[in-house]
Amino acid sequence: MRLLVASDAWHPQVNGVVRSLEEMIRRAPEHGFAARLLTPSDFRSVPMPGYPEIRLACPTPHRLSARWAEAAPSHVHVATEGPVGLAARRRCLAAGLPFTTSYHTRFPEYLAARAPVPEAWSYAYLRRFHAAAHGTMVSTASLQADLAARGFANLLRWTRGVDTDLFRPAGPGARPPPDLAGLAGPLFLTVGRLAVEKNLAAFLALDLPGTKVVVGDGPDRARLRALAPGARFLGTRTGAELAALYAACDVFVFPSLTDTFGIVMLEALASGLPVAAFPVPGPRDVIGPRVGVLDADLRAAALAALGLSRAACRAEALARSWDESARQFFGNIRAVRAPPGKAAA
């Protein structure tokens, strides 16, 4: 099957959407799919106001038609609700081509944090956007229940995974990365986009022993650095460099109140780090009692997490594979395309 994945999120962005799609594209041949991408890099784009790391594509009919002809898709997966996703959705509806969508980001909450836009308006737009799809993939049971209560239909489960070969505990006698050398412990780490919706100010305001370590970049960087001059801000890190930072820290703190999943929590667990987070959707679906502490008092959660078993964290992550994620993703596509009787079976 020829699959076209349309996404407004792609490199150079570093986030869970990009990581998830990378893994699905990599595994597509194993599941009988020839997959291609449609991203902002295929069109002229402009930086998003106030967030230049994100490029907003300007898809033109001529350029879109050329890319569409090259892909000749038999199925389209629309991963995001931005200009690229809208253009792909419109093309599918015009051609009568089946497509699925996925819900990655709580844009209504994110937008409301930045502008006086009622969440109900944003959810109405998103409900209409996804209603035309043969199925909408969501990452967790909590998100599925929340969207169903808001009137979303045809919801399908698509979990996420972690690379346990890359993210793993440090070996015996391993030295800390140079960026962490000499820092007072314990080391409390957070990894993510430095933006208001990630609620990082809640982490930086905690009265904790040792040192807070922040990995990531974004439009809120200057404000956050001013809030916590004693924290170590390391910028964006990827690959083995990022894995080494995880492995050298003691607790992973995830202060977000709006993430739909949080792949970084799985990366932390794979590295042997217990997780401290608020008891909200996302963390509640990912973190069990043996590998993390969920508490409305984030400081109490972070301190309690210091006492959890790193071996248990690693064991939990080993059960969360990208192979299982891909099995669900491609299985969902086959299911929505199957004849009604066969799909039910």
C-alpha atoms as a PDB file:
ATOM      1  CA  MET A   1       0.000   0.000   0.000  1.00  0.00           C
ATOM      2  CA  ARG A   2       1.271   3.465  -0.878  1.00  0.00           C
ATOM      3  CA  LEU A   3       0.998   5.731   2.162  1.00  0.00           C
ATOM      4  CA  LEU A   4       1.423   9.494   2.212  1.00  0.00           C
ATOM      5  CA  VAL A   5       1.922  11.061   5.649  1.00  0.00           C
ATOM      6  CA  ALA A   6       1.101  14.781   5.726  1.00  0.00           C
ATOM      7  CA  SER A   7       2.552  16.696   8.661  1.00  0.00           C
ATOM      8  CA  ASP A   8       3.196  20.328   9.548  1.00  0.00           C
ATOM      9  CA  ALA A   9       5.676  19.082  12.159  1.00  0.00           C
ATOM     10  CA  TRP A  10       8.990  17.969  10.749  1.00  0.00           C
ATOM     11  CA  HIS A  11      12.701  18.733  10.939  1.00  0.00           C
ATOM     12  CA  PRO A  12      14.264  20.941  12.202  1.00  0.00           C
ATOM     13  CA  GLN A  13      11.574  20.701  14.890  1.00  0.00           C
ATOM     14  CA  VAL A  14      12.450  18.404  17.784  1.00  0.00           C
ATOM     15  CA  ASN A  15       9.293  17.024  19.378  1.00  0.00           C
ATOM     16  CA  GLY A  16       7.221  13.924  19.943  1.00  0.00           C
ATOM     17  CA  VAL A  17       5.259  14.269  16.704  1.00  0.00           C
ATOM     18  CA  VAL A  18       8.416  14.275  14.592  1.00  0.00           C
ATOM     19  CA  ARG A  19       9.908  11.392  16.549  1.00  0.00           C
ATOM     20  CA  SER A  20       6.747   9.283  16.235  1.00  0.00           C
ATOM     21  CA  LEU A  21       6.446   9.839  12.486  1.00  0.00           C
ATOM     22  CA  GLU A  22      10.135   9.085  11.948  1.00  0.00           C
ATOM     23  CA  GLU A  23       9.683   5.724  13.623  1.00  0.00           C
ATOM     24  CA  MET A  24       6.560   4.897  11.600  1.00  0.00           C
ATOM     25  CA  ILE A  25       8.216   5.803   8.283  1.00  0.00           C
ATOM     26  CA  ARG A  26      11.236   3.687   9.209  1.00  0.00           C
ATOM     27  CA  ARG A  27       9.072   0.651   9.944  1.00  0.00           C
ATOM     28  CA  ALA A  28       6.591   1.044   7.081  1.00  0.00           C
ATOM     29  CA  PRO A  29       8.176  -1.577   4.773  1.00  0.00           C
ATOM     30  CA  GLU A  30       7.937  -4.221   7.516  1.00  0.00           C
ATOM     31  CA  HIS A  31       4.159  -3.729   7.478  1.00  0.00           C
ATOM     32  CA  GLY A  32       3.715  -3.723   3.718  1.00  0.00           C
ATOM     33  CA  PHE A  33       3.620   0.050   3.197  1.00  0.00           C
ATOM     34  CA  ALA A  34       5.642   2.269   0.883  1.00  0.00           C
ATOM     35  CA  ALA A  35       5.551   5.528   2.852  1.00  0.00           C
ATOM     36  CA  ARG A  36       6.364   9.063   1.787  1.00  0.00           C
ATOM     37  CA  LEU A  37       6.146  12.382   3.607  1.00  0.00           C
ATOM     38  CA  LEU A  38       4.463  15.684   2.776  1.00  0.00           C
ATOM     39  CA  THR A  39       5.914  18.406   5.030  1.00  0.00           C
ATOM     40  CA  PRO A  40       6.651  22.155   5.071  1.00  0.00           C
ATOM     41  CA  SER A  41       9.952  21.384   3.307  1.00  0.00           C
ATOM     42  CA  ASP A  42       7.930  20.603   0.162  1.00  0.00           C
ATOM     43  CA  PHE A  43       6.577  24.163  -0.042  1.00  0.00           C
ATOM     44  CA  ARG A  44       7.528  27.753   0.478  1.00  0.00           C
ATOM     45  CA  SER A  45       7.211  28.468   4.183  1.00  0.00           C
ATOM     46  CA  VAL A  46       7.451  31.323   6.645  1.00  0.00           C
ATOM     47  CA  PRO A  47       8.468  31.310  10.325  1.00  0.00           C
ATOM     48  CA  MET A  48       5.594  31.187  12.765  1.00  0.00           C
ATOM     49  CA  PRO A  49       5.221  34.574  14.514  1.00  0.00           C
ATOM     50  CA  GLY A  50       6.790  34.362  17.957  1.00  0.00           C
ATOM     51  CA  TYR A  51       7.967  30.817  17.299  1.00  0.00           C
ATOM     52  CA  PRO A  52      10.507  30.917  14.419  1.00  0.00           C
ATOM     53  CA  GLU A  53      11.562  27.297  14.939  1.00  0.00           C
ATOM     54  CA  ILE A  54       8.213  26.282  13.428  1.00  0.00           C
ATOM     55  CA  ARG A  55       7.738  26.900   9.710  1.00  0.00           C
ATOM     56  CA  LEU A  56       4.241  27.537   8.373  1.00  0.00           C
ATOM     57  CA  ALA A  57       3.904  26.086   4.881  1.00  0.00           C
ATOM     58  CA  CYS A  58       2.147  27.826   2.020  1.00  0.00           C
ATOM     59  CA  PRO A  59       0.932  24.892  -0.121  1.00  0.00           C
ATOM     60  CA  THR A  60       0.031  25.934  -3.663  1.00  0.00           C
ATOM     61  CA  PRO A  61      -2.240  23.752  -5.839  1.00  0.00           C
ATOM     62  CA  HIS A  62       0.500  23.266  -8.459  1.00  0.00           C
ATOM     63  CA  ARG A  63       3.148  22.212  -5.941  1.00  0.00           C
ATOM     64  CA  LEU A  64       0.704  20.007  -4.051  1.00  0.00           C
ATOM     65  CA  SER A  65      -0.386  18.287  -7.279  1.00  0.00           C
ATOM     66  CA  ALA A  66       3.228  17.565  -8.203  1.00  0.00           C
ATOM     67  CA  ARG A  67       3.982  16.026  -4.815  1.00  0.00           C
ATOM     68  CA  TRP A  68       0.727  14.082  -4.901  1.00  0.00           C
ATOM     69  CA  ALA A  69       1.521  12.643  -8.322  1.00  0.00           C
ATOM     70  CA  GLU A  70       4.959  11.541  -7.136  1.00  0.00           C
ATOM     71  CA  ALA A  71       3.483   9.746  -4.121  1.00  0.00           C
ATOM     72  CA  ALA A  72       0.376   8.359  -5.901  1.00  0.00           C
ATOM     73  CA  PRO A  73      -1.065   7.434  -2.479  1.00  0.00           C
ATOM     74  CA  SER A  74      -3.667   4.770  -1.887  1.00  0.00           C
ATOM     75  CA  HIS A  75      -4.049   6.033   1.685  1.00  0.00           C
ATOM     76  CA  VAL A  76      -3.193   9.311   3.409  1.00  0.00           C
ATOM     77  CA  HIS A  77      -2.502   9.898   7.069  1.00  0.00           C
ATOM     78  CA  VAL A  78      -2.963  13.525   8.120  1.00  0.00           C
ATOM     79  CA  ALA A  79      -0.823  13.936  11.222  1.00  0.00           C
ATOM     80  CA  THR A  80      -1.451  17.611  12.023  1.00  0.00           C
ATOM     81  CA  GLU A  81      -4.157  20.234  11.631  1.00  0.00           C
ATOM     82  CA  GLY A  82      -1.992  23.021  10.122  1.00  0.00           C
ATOM     83  CA  PRO A  83      -1.654  24.237   6.512  1.00  0.00           C
ATOM     84  CA  VAL A  84      -0.085  20.999   5.206  1.00  0.00           C
ATOM     85  CA  GLY A  85      -2.677  18.866   6.976  1.00  0.00           C
ATOM     86  CA  LEU A  86      -5.513  21.054   5.727  1.00  0.00           C
ATOM     87  CA  ALA A  87      -4.260  20.879   2.131  1.00  0.00           C
ATOM     88  CA  ALA A  88      -3.959  17.085   2.289  1.00  0.00           C
ATOM     89  CA  ARG A  89      -7.394  16.718   3.894  1.00  0.00           C
ATOM     90  CA  ARG A  90      -8.966  18.907   1.223  1.00  0.00           C
ATOM     91  CA  ARG A  91      -7.315  16.891  -1.533  1.00  0.00           C
ATOM     92  CA  CYS A  92      -8.515  13.580  -0.050  1.00  0.00           C
ATOM     93  CA  LEU A  93     -12.092  14.811   0.229  1.00  0.00           C
ATOM     94  CA  ALA A  94     -12.070  16.082  -3.358  1.00  0.00           C
ATOM     95  CA  ALA A  95     -10.680  12.784  -4.673  1.00  0.00           C
ATOM     96  CA  GLY A  96     -12.720  10.498  -2.432  1.00  0.00           C
ATOM     97  CA  LEU A  97      -9.494   9.033  -1.061  1.00  0.00           C
ATOM     98  CA  PRO A  98      -9.666   7.373   2.386  1.00  0.00           C
ATOM     99  CA  PHE A  99      -7.565   8.998   5.080  1.00  0.00           C
ATOM    100  CA  THR A 100      -6.873   8.826   8.787  1.00  0.00           C
ATOM    101  CA  THR A 101      -5.785  11.566  11.168  1.00  0.00           C
ATOM    102  CA  SER A 102      -4.019  11.712  14.521  1.00  0.00           C
ATOM    103  CA  TYR A 103      -4.483  14.004  17.498  1.00  0.00           C
ATOM    104  CA  HIS A 104      -1.091  14.846  18.969  1.00  0.00           C
ATOM    105  CA  THR A 105      -1.404  18.241  20.595  1.00  0.00           C
ATOM    106  CA  ARG A 106      -3.916  20.034  22.807  1.00  0.00           C
ATOM    107  CA  PHE A 107      -3.963  23.132  20.647  1.00  0.00           C
ATOM    108  CA  PRO A 108      -7.085  24.629  22.307  1.00  0.00           C
ATOM    109  CA  GLU A 109      -5.260  24.775  25.646  1.00  0.00           C
ATOM    110  CA  TYR A 110      -2.027  25.971  24.030  1.00  0.00           C
ATOM    111  CA  LEU A 111      -3.807  28.734  22.119  1.00  0.00           C
ATOM    112  CA  ALA A 112      -5.798  29.826  25.164  1.00  0.00           C
ATOM    113  CA  ALA A 113      -2.516  30.204  27.082  1.00  0.00           C
ATOM    114  CA  ARG A 114      -1.269  32.680  24.482  1.00  0.00           C
ATOM    115  CA  ALA A 115      -4.379  34.523  23.260  1.00  0.00           C
ATOM    116  CA  PRO A 116      -7.966  35.230  24.381  1.00  0.00           C
ATOM    117  CA  VAL A 117      -9.430  32.427  22.240  1.00  0.00           C
ATOM    118  CA  PRO A 118     -12.064  30.269  24.014  1.00  0.00           C
ATOM    119  CA  GLU A 119     -11.159  26.593  24.067  1.00  0.00           C
ATOM    120  CA  ALA A 120     -14.671  25.736  22.860  1.00  0.00           C
ATOM    121  CA  TRP A 121     -14.016  27.527  19.544  1.00  0.00           C
ATOM    122  CA  SER A 122     -10.785  25.637  18.948  1.00  0.00           C
ATOM    123  CA  TYR A 123     -12.357  22.302  19.827  1.00  0.00           C
ATOM    124  CA  ALA A 124     -15.206  22.990  17.418  1.00  0.00           C
ATOM    125  CA  TYR A 125     -12.681  23.501  14.608  1.00  0.00           C
ATOM    126  CA  LEU A 126     -10.732  20.366  15.525  1.00  0.00           C
ATOM    127  CA  ARG A 127     -13.893  18.283  15.818  1.00  0.00           C
ATOM    128  CA  ARG A 128     -14.896  19.305  12.300  1.00  0.00           C
ATOM    129  CA  PHE A 129     -11.371  18.715  10.973  1.00  0.00           C
ATOM    130  CA  HIS A 130     -11.169  15.140  12.288  1.00  0.00           C
ATOM    131  CA  ALA A 131     -14.808  14.199  11.649  1.00  0.00           C
ATOM    132  CA  ALA A 132     -14.109  13.746   7.933  1.00  0.00           C
ATOM    133  CA  ALA A 133     -11.466  11.077   8.551  1.00  0.00           C
ATOM    134  CA  HIS A 134     -12.086   7.322   8.557  1.00  0.00           C
ATOM    135  CA  GLY A 135     -10.450   7.246  11.995  1.00  0.00           C
ATOM    136  CA  THR A 136      -8.538   9.497  14.375  1.00  0.00           C
ATOM    137  CA  MET A 137      -5.591   7.999  16.249  1.00  0.00           C
ATOM    138  CA  VAL A 138      -4.973   8.990  19.867  1.00  0.00           C
ATOM    139  CA  SER A 139      -2.151   7.960  22.170  1.00  0.00           C
ATOM    140  CA  THR A 140      -3.831   7.143  25.493  1.00  0.00           C
ATOM    141  CA  ALA A 141      -7.052   5.991  27.114  1.00  0.00           C
ATOM    142  CA  SER A 142      -7.405   9.323  28.931  1.00  0.00           C
ATOM    143  CA  LEU A 143      -7.174  11.307  25.718  1.00  0.00           C
ATOM    144  CA  GLN A 144      -9.610   8.978  23.983  1.00  0.00           C
ATOM    145  CA  ALA A 145     -12.172   9.415  26.766  1.00  0.00           C
ATOM    146  CA  ASP A 146     -11.704  13.196  26.830  1.00  0.00           C
ATOM    147  CA  LEU A 147     -12.151  13.609  23.080  1.00  0.00           C
ATOM    148  CA  ALA A 148     -15.125  11.244  23.004  1.00  0.00           C
ATOM    149  CA  ALA A 149     -16.790  13.382  25.678  1.00  0.00           C
ATOM    150  CA  ARG A 150     -16.188  16.410  23.448  1.00  0.00           C
ATOM    151  CA  GLY A 151     -17.976  14.789  20.492  1.00  0.00           C
ATOM    152  CA  PHE A 152     -15.038  13.291  18.552  1.00  0.00           C
ATOM    153  CA  ALA A 153     -15.870   9.993  16.831  1.00  0.00           C
ATOM    154  CA  ASN A 154     -14.043   7.033  15.241  1.00  0.00           C
ATOM    155  CA  LEU A 155     -11.191   7.178  17.763  1.00  0.00           C
ATOM    156  CA  LEU A 156      -8.405   4.593  17.451  1.00  0.00           C
ATOM    157  CA  ARG A 157      -5.563   3.849  19.860  1.00  0.00           C
ATOM    158  CA  TRP A 158      -1.972   4.441  18.765  1.00  0.00           C
ATOM    159  CA  THR A 159       0.580   4.206  21.576  1.00  0.00           C
ATOM    160  CA  ARG A 160       4.164   5.470  21.498  1.00  0.00           C
ATOM    161  CA  GLY A 161       7.484   3.776  22.143  1.00  0.00           C
ATOM    162  CA  VAL A 162      11.122   4.314  23.051  1.00  0.00           C
ATOM    163  CA  ASP A 163      14.491   3.241  21.667  1.00  0.00           C
ATOM    164  CA  THR A 164      15.857   1.195  24.553  1.00  0.00           C
ATOM    165  CA  ASP A 165      19.150   0.617  22.755  1.00  0.00           C
ATOM    166  CA  LEU A 166      19.883   4.355  22.622  1.00  0.00           C
ATOM    167  CA  PHE A 167      18.331   5.327  25.959  1.00  0.00           C
ATOM    168  CA  ARG A 168      19.794   3.107  28.666  1.00  0.00           C
ATOM    169  CA  PRO A 169      21.346   3.422  32.132  1.00  0.00           C
ATOM    170  CA  ALA A 170      24.985   4.420  32.393  1.00  0.00           C
ATOM    171  CA  GLY A 171      27.428   1.543  32.753  1.00  0.00           C
ATOM    172  CA  PRO A 172      29.529   0.923  35.865  1.00  0.00           C
ATOM    173  CA  GLY A 173      32.108   3.646  36.404  1.00  0.00           C
ATOM    174  CA  ALA A 174      30.687   5.875  33.654  1.00  0.00           C
ATOM    175  CA  ARG A 175      31.722   9.503  33.907  1.00  0.00           C
ATOM    176  CA  PRO A 176      29.081  12.244  33.717  1.00  0.00           C
ATOM    177  CA  PRO A 177      28.920  14.253  30.484  1.00  0.00           C
ATOM    178  CA  PRO A 178      31.098  17.407  30.535  1.00  0.00           C
ATOM    179  CA  ASP A 179      27.994  19.622  30.807  1.00  0.00           C
ATOM    180  CA  LEU A 180      27.115  18.017  34.132  1.00  0.00           C
ATOM    181  CA  ALA A 181      30.589  17.602  35.600  1.00  0.00           C
ATOM    182  CA  GLY A 182      30.941  19.268  38.977  1.00  0.00           C
ATOM    183  CA  LEU A 183      27.256  20.049  39.450  1.00  0.00           C
ATOM    184  CA  ALA A 184      25.852  19.540  42.924  1.00  0.00           C
ATOM    185  CA  GLY A 185      23.568  16.526  43.125  1.00  0.00           C
ATOM    186  CA  PRO A 186      20.972  15.254  43.022  1.00  0.00           C
ATOM    187  CA  LEU A 187      20.319  16.256  39.405  1.00  0.00           C
ATOM    188  CA  PHE A 188      16.686  16.930  38.492  1.00  0.00           C
ATOM    189  CA  LEU A 189      16.260  16.862  34.713  1.00  0.00           C
ATOM    190  CA  THR A 190      13.546  18.074  32.369  1.00  0.00           C
ATOM    191  CA  VAL A 191      13.584  17.805  28.570  1.00  0.00           C
ATOM    192  CA  GLY A 192      11.255  19.608  26.194  1.00  0.00           C
ATOM    193  CA  ARG A 193      10.292  22.688  24.270  1.00  0.00           C
ATOM    194  CA  LEU A 194      10.837  25.906  26.219  1.00  0.00           C
ATOM    195  CA  ALA A 195       7.345  27.276  25.721  1.00  0.00           C
ATOM    196  CA  VAL A 196       4.632  28.504  28.056  1.00  0.00           C
ATOM    197  CA  GLU A 197       2.383  25.467  27.504  1.00  0.00           C
ATOM    198  CA  LYS A 198       5.052  23.137  28.929  1.00  0.00           C
ATOM    199  CA  ASN A 199       4.648  24.721  32.400  1.00  0.00           C
ATOM    200  CA  LEU A 200       8.412  24.668  33.012  1.00  0.00           C
ATOM    201  CA  ALA A 201       8.142  27.624  35.385  1.00  0.00           C
ATOM    202  CA  ALA A 202       6.487  25.243  37.873  1.00  0.00           C
ATOM    203  CA  PHE A 203       9.596  23.049  37.816  1.00  0.00           C
ATOM    204  CA  LEU A 204      12.044  25.939  38.041  1.00  0.00           C
ATOM    205  CA  ALA A 205      10.203  27.407  41.026  1.00  0.00           C
ATOM    206  CA  LEU A 206      10.612  24.239  43.124  1.00  0.00           C
ATOM    207  CA  ASP A 207      12.809  24.383  46.218  1.00  0.00           C
ATOM    208  CA  LEU A 208      14.922  21.300  45.549  1.00  0.00           C
ATOM    209  CA  PRO A 209      18.377  20.210  46.675  1.00  0.00           C
ATOM    210  CA  GLY A 210      21.110  19.790  44.084  1.00  0.00           C
ATOM    211  CA  THR A 211      20.748  21.191  40.552  1.00  0.00           C
ATOM    212  CA  LYS A 212      17.954  21.602  38.010  1.00  0.00           C
ATOM    213  CA  VAL A 213      18.984  20.683  34.447  1.00  0.00           C
ATOM    214  CA  VAL A 214      16.939  21.882  31.457  1.00  0.00           C
ATOM    215  CA  VAL A 215      17.403  20.435  27.964  1.00  0.00           C
ATOM    216  CA  GLY A 216      15.577  22.056  25.046  1.00  0.00           C
ATOM    217  CA  ASP A 217      14.987  25.378  23.372  1.00  0.00           C
ATOM    218  CA  GLY A 218      12.066  27.574  22.434  1.00  0.00           C
ATOM    219  CA  PRO A 219      10.473  31.008  22.568  1.00  0.00           C
ATOM    220  CA  ASP A 220      10.267  31.095  26.386  1.00  0.00           C
ATOM    221  CA  ARG A 221      14.002  30.545  26.920  1.00  0.00           C
ATOM    222  CA  ALA A 222      14.946  34.065  28.079  1.00  0.00           C
ATOM    223  CA  ARG A 223      12.088  34.315  30.584  1.00  0.00           C
ATOM    224  CA  LEU A 224      12.782  30.883  32.037  1.00  0.00           C
ATOM    225  CA  ARG A 225      16.520  31.533  32.423  1.00  0.00           C
ATOM    226  CA  ALA A 226      15.717  34.701  34.343  1.00  0.00           C
ATOM    227  CA  LEU A 227      13.407  32.766  36.658  1.00  0.00           C
ATOM    228  CA  ALA A 228      16.102  30.287  37.664  1.00  0.00           C
ATOM    229  CA  PRO A 229      19.657  31.606  37.316  1.00  0.00           C
ATOM    230  CA  GLY A 230      20.921  28.610  39.281  1.00  0.00           C
ATOM    231  CA  ALA A 231      19.535  26.074  36.799  1.00  0.00           C
ATOM    232  CA  ARG A 232      21.730  24.639  34.048  1.00  0.00           C
ATOM    233  CA  PHE A 233      20.219  25.289  30.587  1.00  0.00           C
ATOM    234  CA  LEU A 234      21.870  23.102  27.958  1.00  0.00           C
ATOM    235  CA  GLY A 235      19.868  23.881  24.801  1.00  0.00           C
ATOM    236  CA  THR A 236      18.685  21.243  22.352  1.00  0.00           C
ATOM    237  CA  ARG A 237      20.418  17.858  22.487  1.00  0.00           C
ATOM    238  CA  THR A 238      19.671  14.735  20.477  1.00  0.00           C
ATOM    239  CA  GLY A 239      20.893  11.184  19.957  1.00  0.00           C
ATOM    240  CA  ALA A 240      23.720   9.781  22.081  1.00  0.00           C
ATOM    241  CA  GLU A 241      24.414  13.199  23.609  1.00  0.00           C
ATOM    242  CA  LEU A 242      20.859  13.418  24.943  1.00  0.00           C
ATOM    243  CA  ALA A 243      20.922   9.791  26.096  1.00  0.00           C
ATOM    244  CA  ALA A 244      24.079  10.444  28.135  1.00  0.00           C
ATOM    245  CA  LEU A 245      22.406  13.370  29.905  1.00  0.00           C
ATOM    246  CA  TYR A 246      19.397  11.260  30.874  1.00  0.00           C
ATOM    247  CA  ALA A 247      21.598   8.485  32.206  1.00  0.00           C
ATOM    248  CA  ALA A 248      23.670  10.858  34.364  1.00  0.00           C
ATOM    249  CA  CYS A 249      20.722  12.458  36.194  1.00  0.00           C
ATOM    250  CA  ASP A 250      18.694  11.268  39.181  1.00  0.00           C
ATOM    251  CA  VAL A 251      15.037  12.209  38.613  1.00  0.00           C
ATOM    252  CA  PHE A 252      13.088  13.316  35.548  1.00  0.00           C
ATOM    253  CA  VAL A 253      10.557  16.069  36.272  1.00  0.00           C
ATOM    254  CA  PHE A 254       7.659  16.454  33.816  1.00  0.00           C
ATOM    255  CA  PRO A 255       5.660  19.570  34.770  1.00  0.00           C
ATOM    256  CA  SER A 256       3.362  19.724  31.723  1.00  0.00           C
ATOM    257  CA  LEU A 257      -0.380  19.830  32.347  1.00  0.00           C
ATOM    258  CA  THR A 258      -1.417  19.521  28.685  1.00  0.00           C
ATOM    259  CA  ASP A 259       0.775  16.956  26.886  1.00  0.00           C
ATOM    260  CA  THR A 260      -1.173  14.125  25.301  1.00  0.00           C
ATOM    261  CA  PHE A 261       1.582  11.577  25.988  1.00  0.00           C
ATOM    262  CA  GLY A 262       5.160  12.670  26.692  1.00  0.00           C
ATOM    263  CA  ILE A 263       7.689  10.428  24.927  1.00  0.00           C
ATOM    264  CA  VAL A 264      10.410  12.046  27.058  1.00  0.00           C
ATOM    265  CA  MET A 265       9.007  10.194  30.060  1.00  0.00           C
ATOM    266  CA  LEU A 266       9.636   6.876  28.307  1.00  0.00           C
ATOM    267  CA  GLU A 267      13.155   8.009  27.411  1.00  0.00           C
ATOM    268  CA  ALA A 268      13.755   8.810  31.075  1.00  0.00           C
ATOM    269  CA  LEU A 269      12.472   5.416  32.220  1.00  0.00           C
ATOM    270  CA  ALA A 270      14.621   3.625  29.644  1.00  0.00           C
ATOM    271  CA  SER A 271      17.616   5.490  31.087  1.00  0.00           C
ATOM    272  CA  GLY A 272      16.744   4.346  34.614  1.00  0.00           C
ATOM    273  CA  LEU A 273      15.266   7.665  35.780  1.00  0.00           C
ATOM    274  CA  PRO A 274      12.126   7.708  37.922  1.00  0.00           C
ATOM    275  CA  VAL A 275       9.593  10.356  36.919  1.00  0.00           C
ATOM    276  CA  ALA A 276       7.921  13.098  38.962  1.00  0.00           C
ATOM    277  CA  ALA A 277       4.823  14.684  37.440  1.00  0.00           C
ATOM    278  CA  PHE A 278       1.403  16.119  38.153  1.00  0.00           C
ATOM    279  CA  PRO A 279      -1.499  13.610  38.283  1.00  0.00           C
ATOM    280  CA  VAL A 280      -2.967  14.607  34.908  1.00  0.00           C
ATOM    281  CA  PRO A 281      -3.703  12.793  31.615  1.00  0.00           C
ATOM    282  CA  GLY A 282      -0.464  11.843  29.931  1.00  0.00           C
ATOM    283  CA  PRO A 283       1.554  11.020  33.063  1.00  0.00           C
ATOM    284  CA  ARG A 284      -1.367   8.992  34.450  1.00  0.00           C
ATOM    285  CA  ASP A 285      -1.305   6.811  31.315  1.00  0.00           C
ATOM    286  CA  VAL A 286       2.476   6.403  31.160  1.00  0.00           C
ATOM    287  CA  ILE A 287       3.755   6.300  34.746  1.00  0.00           C
ATOM    288  CA  GLY A 288       3.025   3.460  37.174  1.00  0.00           C
ATOM    289  CA  PRO A 289       3.604   3.595  40.952  1.00  0.00           C
ATOM    290  CA  ARG A 290       6.889   1.650  40.840  1.00  0.00           C
ATOM    291  CA  VAL A 291       8.555   4.021  38.372  1.00  0.00           C
ATOM    292  CA  GLY A 292       7.301   7.473  39.262  1.00  0.00           C
ATOM    293  CA  VAL A 293       5.393   9.699  41.652  1.00  0.00           C
ATOM    294  CA  LEU A 294       2.357  11.726  40.583  1.00  0.00           C
ATOM    295  CA  ASP A 295       1.388  14.437  43.029  1.00  0.00           C
ATOM    296  CA  ALA A 296      -0.229  17.861  42.907  1.00  0.00           C
ATOM    297  CA  ASP A 297       2.783  18.899  45.018  1.00  0.00           C
ATOM    298  CA  LEU A 298       5.488  18.574  42.367  1.00  0.00           C
ATOM    299  CA  ARG A 299       8.279  19.166  44.889  1.00  0.00           C
ATOM    300  CA  ALA A 300       7.051  16.279  47.031  1.00  0.00           C
ATOM    301  CA  ALA A 301       6.841  14.100  43.922  1.00  0.00           C
ATOM    302  CA  ALA A 302      10.405  14.944  42.880  1.00  0.00           C
ATOM    303  CA  LEU A 303      11.845  14.198  46.319  1.00  0.00           C
ATOM    304  CA  ALA A 304       9.890  10.944  46.678  1.00  0.00           C
ATOM    305  CA  ALA A 305      11.017   9.799  43.227  1.00  0.00           C
ATOM    306  CA  LEU A 306      14.634   9.819  44.443  1.00  0.00           C
ATOM    307  CA  GLY A 307      13.892   6.661  46.381  1.00  0.00           C
ATOM    308  CA  LEU A 308      12.509   4.602  43.482  1.00  0.00           C
ATOM    309  CA  SER A 309      14.323   1.739  41.793  1.00  0.00           C
ATOM    310  CA  ARG A 310      16.211   2.620  38.614  1.00  0.00           C
ATOM    311  CA  ALA A 311      16.081  -1.053  37.620  1.00  0.00           C
ATOM    312  CA  ALA A 312      12.275  -0.996  37.788  1.00  0.00           C
ATOM    313  CA  CYS A 313      12.227   2.074  35.542  1.00  0.00           C
ATOM    314  CA  ARG A 314      14.349   0.292  32.953  1.00  0.00           C
ATOM    315  CA  ALA A 315      12.165  -2.812  33.107  1.00  0.00           C
ATOM    316  CA  GLU A 316       9.032  -0.726  32.526  1.00  0.00           C
ATOM    317  CA  ALA A 317      10.540   0.907  29.440  1.00  0.00           C
ATOM    318  CA  LEU A 318      11.567  -2.419  27.937  1.00  0.00           C
ATOM    319  CA  ALA A 319       7.864  -3.249  27.568  1.00  0.00           C
ATOM    320  CA  ARG A 320       7.234  -0.073  25.517  1.00  0.00           C
ATOM    321  CA  SER A 321       8.565  -0.642  22.003  1.00  0.00           C
ATOM    322  CA  TRP A 322       8.282   1.300  18.764  1.00  0.00           C
ATOM    323  CA  ASP A 323       7.514  -2.046  17.109  1.00  0.00           C
ATOM    324  CA  GLU A 324       4.254  -2.264  19.066  1.00  0.00           C
ATOM    325  CA  SER A 325       3.517   1.360  18.211  1.00  0.00           C
ATOM    326  CA  ALA A 326       3.976   0.609  14.511  1.00  0.00           C
ATOM    327  CA  ARG A 327       1.803  -2.501  14.764  1.00  0.00           C
ATOM    328  CA  GLN A 328      -1.035  -0.352  16.084  1.00  0.00           C
ATOM    329  CA  PHE A 329      -0.499   2.473  13.586  1.00  0.00           C
ATOM    330  CA  PHE A 330      -0.475   0.339  10.453  1.00  0.00           C
ATOM    331  CA  GLY A 331      -3.113  -1.984  11.881  1.00  0.00           C
ATOM    332  CA  ASN A 332      -5.444   0.986  12.297  1.00  0.00           C
ATOM    333  CA  ILE A 333      -4.993   1.944   8.650  1.00  0.00           C
ATOM    334  CA  ARG A 334      -5.744  -1.585   7.476  1.00  0.00           C
ATOM    335  CA  ALA A 335      -8.775  -1.775   9.768  1.00  0.00           C
ATOM    336  CA  VAL A 336     -10.452   1.392   8.486  1.00  0.00           C
ATOM    337  CA  ARG A 337      -9.923   0.277   4.878  1.00  0.00           C
ATOM    338  CA  ALA A 338     -11.276  -3.255   5.385  1.00  0.00           C
ATOM    339  CA  PRO A 339     -14.827  -4.191   4.309  1.00  0.00           C
ATOM    340  CA  PRO A 340     -17.286  -3.720   7.220  1.00  0.00           C
ATOM    341  CA  GLY A 341     -17.689  -7.408   7.989  1.00  0.00           C
ATOM    342  CA  LYS A 342     -13.965  -8.093   7.863  1.00  0.00           C
ATOM    343  CA  ALA A 343     -13.148  -5.017   9.967  1.00  0.00           C
ATOM    344  CA  ALA A 344     -15.615  -6.133  12.641  1.00  0.00           C
ATOM    345  CA  ALA A 345     -14.078  -9.596  12.690  1.00  0.00           C
END
